[in-house]
C-alpha atoms as a PDB file:
ATOM      1  CA  MET A   1      17.627 100.198 207.077  1.00  0.00           C
ATOM      2  CA  SER A   2      13.827 100.223 207.043  1.00  0.00           C
ATOM      3  CA  TYR A   3      11.566  97.371 208.061  1.00  0.00           C
ATOM      4  CA  PHE A   4       8.001  96.568 207.060  1.00  0.00           C
ATOM      5  CA  PHE A   5       5.251  94.288 208.321  1.00  0.00           C
ATOM      6  CA  CYS A   6       3.765  92.155 205.560  1.00  0.00           C
ATOM      7  CA  LEU A   7      -0.011  91.843 205.918  1.00  0.00           C
ATOM      8  CA  LYS A   8      -0.066  88.913 203.502  1.00  0.00           C
ATOM      9  CA  HIS A   9       2.517  86.736 205.282  1.00  0.00           C
ATOM     10  CA  HIS A  10       2.403  88.288 208.790  1.00  0.00           C
ATOM     11  CA  THR A  11       6.169  88.635 208.850  1.00  0.00           C
ATOM     12  CA  VAL A  12       8.729  91.414 209.153  1.00  0.00           C
ATOM     13  CA  GLU A  13      10.626  92.091 205.966  1.00  0.00           C
ATOM     14  CA  GLY A  14      13.157  94.501 204.523  1.00  0.00           C
ATOM     15  CA  GLN A  15      12.998  96.846 201.545  1.00  0.00           C
ATOM     16  CA  ASP A  16      12.804  94.008 199.023  1.00  0.00           C
ATOM     17  CA  GLY A  17       9.681  92.397 200.433  1.00  0.00           C
ATOM     18  CA  CYS A  18       6.128  92.235 199.183  1.00  0.00           C
ATOM     19  CA  ARG A  19       4.472  95.083 197.317  1.00  0.00           C
ATOM     20  CA  ALA A  20       3.673  98.265 199.231  1.00  0.00           C
ATOM     21  CA  SER A  21      -0.095  97.681 199.259  1.00  0.00           C
ATOM     22  CA  ASP A  22       0.463  94.455 201.223  1.00  0.00           C
ATOM     23  CA  ARG A  23       2.534  95.921 204.046  1.00  0.00           C
ATOM     24  CA  LEU A  24       2.734  98.486 206.820  1.00  0.00           C
ATOM     25  CA  GLY A  25       5.697 100.720 207.427  1.00  0.00           C
ATOM     26  CA  PRO A  26       8.402 101.735 207.173  1.00  0.00           C
ATOM     27  CA  TYR A  27       9.630 101.213 210.724  1.00  0.00           C
ATOM     28  CA  GLU A  28      13.093 101.976 212.057  1.00  0.00           C
ATOM     29  CA  THR A  29      13.541  98.641 213.843  1.00  0.00           C
ATOM     30  CA  GLU A  30      12.464  95.034 213.399  1.00  0.00           C
ATOM     31  CA  ALA A  31      10.829  95.177 216.837  1.00  0.00           C
ATOM     32  CA  GLU A  32       8.642  98.126 215.817  1.00  0.00           C
ATOM     33  CA  ALA A  33       7.620  96.361 212.618  1.00  0.00           C
ATOM     34  CA  ALA A  34       6.840  93.162 214.538  1.00  0.00           C
ATOM     35  CA  ARG A  35       4.261  94.971 216.662  1.00  0.00           C
ATOM     36  CA  ALA A  36       2.660  96.831 213.757  1.00  0.00           C
ATOM     37  CA  LEU A  37      -0.733  95.161 214.159  1.00  0.00           C
ATOM     38  CA  GLU A  38      -0.739  95.879 217.894  1.00  0.00           C
ATOM     39  CA  LYS A  39      -0.032  99.532 217.150  1.00  0.00           C
ATOM     40  CA  VAL A  40      -2.878  99.633 214.617  1.00  0.00           C
ATOM     41  CA  GLU A  41      -5.254  98.185 217.209  1.00  0.00           C
ATOM     42  CA  GLU A  42      -4.097 100.688 219.852  1.00  0.00           C
ATOM     43  CA  ARG A  43      -4.625 103.603 217.475  1.00  0.00           C
ATOM     44  CA  ASN A  44      -8.050 102.358 216.390  1.00  0.00           C
ATOM     45  CA  GLU A  45      -9.156 102.087 220.016  1.00  0.00           C
ATOM     46  CA  ALA A  46      -7.851 105.576 220.764  1.00  0.00           C
ATOM     47  CA  TRP A  47      -9.688 107.015 217.773  1.00  0.00           C
ATOM     48  CA  ASP A  48     -12.885 105.125 218.667  1.00  0.00           C
ATOM     49  CA  ASP A  49     -12.749 106.676 222.136  1.00  0.00           C
ATOM     50  CA  ASP A  50     -11.903 110.201 220.935  1.00  0.00           C
ATOM     51  CA  PRO A  51     -14.648 112.549 222.192  1.00  0.00           C
ATOM     52  CA  LYS A  52     -13.954 114.953 219.300  1.00  0.00           C
ATOM     53  CA  TRP A  53     -15.009 112.319 216.755  1.00  0.00           C
ATOM     54  CA  ASN A  54     -18.664 111.489 216.345  1.00  0.00           C
ATOM     55  CA  ASP A  55     -20.308 109.277 213.718  1.00  0.00           C
ATOM     56  CA  ASP A  56     -23.806 110.080 214.989  1.00  0.00           C
ATOM     57  CA  PRO A  57     -25.222 113.102 213.090  1.00  0.00           C
ATOM     58  CA  ASP A  58     -28.009 113.518 215.689  1.00  0.00           C
ATOM     59  CA  ALA A  59     -25.639 113.925 218.642  1.00  0.00           C
END
């Protein structure tokens, strides 16, 4: 079974939840889906700190 994190309701749901544009996933476990927003934040921080990525054209 797959699990999703609903961005609209901030809950974990199964296949028959909200529409795809309102959720993150799929995740293999409920626990993984429950920490979806934490994972997004961790990835954003990692990408922000990636020395290979640079938004400054003058650098």
